[in-house]
Amino acid sequence: MSKTSSFNFALSKKNYLVIVIGLVVITLGYILMSGGGSPDPNTFNADELFSARRITLAPITILIGYAIVGYGIMLRPKN
């Protein structure tokens, strides 16, 4: 006798795809935020450390990524 078991995921394939896209955007934001170091520990380069990329663009990108993940979780599957 064979048992047929129906295993249902909590989210659909589209939900997981949107969540993965959001995680990629979040990772991109963290990559944009990285760097800004100086090879010489006695030198402080404020222009590179506090650039618009690290202060504005990277956090906005990360927040957009979190919004995409939240949308992916809340997205209703079409029946």
C-alpha atoms as a PDB file:
ATOM      1  CA  MET A   1       0.000   0.000   0.000  1.00  0.00           C
ATOM      2  CA  SER A   2       1.283   3.415  -0.850  1.00  0.00           C
ATOM      3  CA  LYS A   3       0.524   6.409   1.241  1.00  0.00           C
ATOM      4  CA  THR A   4       0.144   9.683  -0.523  1.00  0.00           C
ATOM      5  CA  SER A   5       1.226  12.507   1.679  1.00  0.00           C
ATOM      6  CA  SER A   6       0.489  16.056   0.770  1.00  0.00           C
ATOM      7  CA  PHE A   7       3.191  18.389   1.982  1.00  0.00           C
ATOM      8  CA  ASN A   8       2.312  22.060   1.567  1.00  0.00           C
ATOM      9  CA  PHE A   9       4.754  24.892   1.973  1.00  0.00           C
ATOM     10  CA  ALA A  10       3.677  27.964   3.872  1.00  0.00           C
ATOM     11  CA  LEU A  11       4.614  30.214   0.950  1.00  0.00           C
ATOM     12  CA  SER A  12       4.459  29.786  -2.804  1.00  0.00           C
ATOM     13  CA  LYS A  13       7.348  29.681  -5.250  1.00  0.00           C
ATOM     14  CA  LYS A  14       6.740  33.328  -6.188  1.00  0.00           C
ATOM     15  CA  ASN A  15       7.003  34.339  -2.520  1.00  0.00           C
ATOM     16  CA  TYR A  16      10.365  32.618  -2.162  1.00  0.00           C
ATOM     17  CA  LEU A  17      11.607  34.225  -5.385  1.00  0.00           C
ATOM     18  CA  VAL A  18      10.684  37.705  -4.135  1.00  0.00           C
ATOM     19  CA  ILE A  19      12.342  36.980  -0.769  1.00  0.00           C
ATOM     20  CA  VAL A  20      15.562  35.861  -2.483  1.00  0.00           C
ATOM     21  CA  ILE A  21      15.554  39.028  -4.622  1.00  0.00           C
ATOM     22  CA  GLY A  22      15.169  41.078  -1.435  1.00  0.00           C
ATOM     23  CA  LEU A  23      18.094  39.236   0.185  1.00  0.00           C
ATOM     24  CA  VAL A  24      20.243  39.981  -2.866  1.00  0.00           C
ATOM     25  CA  VAL A  25      19.356  43.691  -2.592  1.00  0.00           C
ATOM     26  CA  ILE A  26      20.212  43.654   1.135  1.00  0.00           C
ATOM     27  CA  THR A  27      23.560  41.991   0.375  1.00  0.00           C
ATOM     28  CA  LEU A  28      24.247  44.626  -2.283  1.00  0.00           C
ATOM     29  CA  GLY A  29      23.568  47.334   0.305  1.00  0.00           C
ATOM     30  CA  TYR A  30      26.051  45.807   2.736  1.00  0.00           C
ATOM     31  CA  ILE A  31      28.638  45.536  -0.035  1.00  0.00           C
ATOM     32  CA  LEU A  32      28.097  49.232  -0.818  1.00  0.00           C
ATOM     33  CA  MET A  33      28.639  50.041   2.849  1.00  0.00           C
ATOM     34  CA  SER A  34      31.934  48.150   3.112  1.00  0.00           C
ATOM     35  CA  GLY A  35      35.367  49.688   2.714  1.00  0.00           C
ATOM     36  CA  GLY A  36      36.544  53.124   3.660  1.00  0.00           C
ATOM     37  CA  GLY A  37      39.601  51.926   5.498  1.00  0.00           C
ATOM     38  CA  SER A  38      43.059  53.399   5.260  1.00  0.00           C
ATOM     39  CA  PRO A  39      46.233  51.381   4.723  1.00  0.00           C
ATOM     40  CA  ASP A  40      48.000  53.620   7.236  1.00  0.00           C
ATOM     41  CA  PRO A  41      46.475  53.385  10.745  1.00  0.00           C
ATOM     42  CA  ASN A  42      47.775  56.878  11.595  1.00  0.00           C
ATOM     43  CA  THR A  43      45.768  58.516   8.787  1.00  0.00           C
ATOM     44  CA  PHE A  44      42.046  59.305   8.974  1.00  0.00           C
ATOM     45  CA  ASN A  45      40.310  59.889   5.650  1.00  0.00           C
ATOM     46  CA  ALA A  46      36.908  61.333   6.542  1.00  0.00           C
ATOM     47  CA  ASP A  47      35.895  61.937   2.919  1.00  0.00           C
ATOM     48  CA  GLU A  48      36.124  58.250   2.069  1.00  0.00           C
ATOM     49  CA  LEU A  49      34.668  56.964   5.320  1.00  0.00           C
ATOM     50  CA  PHE A  50      31.703  59.352   5.359  1.00  0.00           C
ATOM     51  CA  SER A  51      30.998  59.355   1.617  1.00  0.00           C
ATOM     52  CA  ALA A  52      27.470  59.632   0.263  1.00  0.00           C
ATOM     53  CA  ARG A  53      27.638  56.005  -0.827  1.00  0.00           C
ATOM     54  CA  ARG A  54      28.135  54.760   2.749  1.00  0.00           C
ATOM     55  CA  ILE A  55      25.940  57.297   4.542  1.00  0.00           C
ATOM     56  CA  THR A  56      22.985  57.556   2.140  1.00  0.00           C
ATOM     57  CA  LEU A  57      22.939  55.043  -0.706  1.00  0.00           C
ATOM     58  CA  ALA A  58      23.823  51.872   1.225  1.00  0.00           C
ATOM     59  CA  PRO A  59      21.265  52.289   4.064  1.00  0.00           C
ATOM     60  CA  ILE A  60      18.505  53.185   1.598  1.00  0.00           C
ATOM     61  CA  THR A  61      19.382  50.108  -0.465  1.00  0.00           C
ATOM     62  CA  ILE A  62      19.252  47.918   2.648  1.00  0.00           C
ATOM     63  CA  LEU A  63      15.869  49.344   3.692  1.00  0.00           C
ATOM     64  CA  ILE A  64      14.498  48.755   0.181  1.00  0.00           C
ATOM     65  CA  GLY A  65      15.748  45.163   0.434  1.00  0.00           C
ATOM     66  CA  TYR A  66      13.966  44.682   3.756  1.00  0.00           C
ATOM     67  CA  ALA A  67      10.785  46.115   2.220  1.00  0.00           C
ATOM     68  CA  ILE A  68      11.065  43.641  -0.676  1.00  0.00           C
ATOM     69  CA  VAL A  69      11.491  40.747   1.782  1.00  0.00           C
ATOM     70  CA  GLY A  70       8.467  41.944   3.765  1.00  0.00           C
ATOM     71  CA  TYR A  71       6.445  42.174   0.561  1.00  0.00           C
ATOM     72  CA  GLY A  72       7.557  38.666  -0.379  1.00  0.00           C
ATOM     73  CA  ILE A  73       6.366  37.327   2.956  1.00  0.00           C
ATOM     74  CA  MET A  74       2.997  39.111   2.806  1.00  0.00           C
ATOM     75  CA  LEU A  75       2.288  38.370  -0.881  1.00  0.00           C
ATOM     76  CA  ARG A  76      -0.834  36.273  -1.295  1.00  0.00           C
ATOM     77  CA  PRO A  77      -0.685  33.398  -3.749  1.00  0.00           C
ATOM     78  CA  LYS A  78      -3.217  33.558  -6.581  1.00  0.00           C
ATOM     79  CA  ASN A  79      -5.675  30.672  -6.532  1.00  0.00           C
END
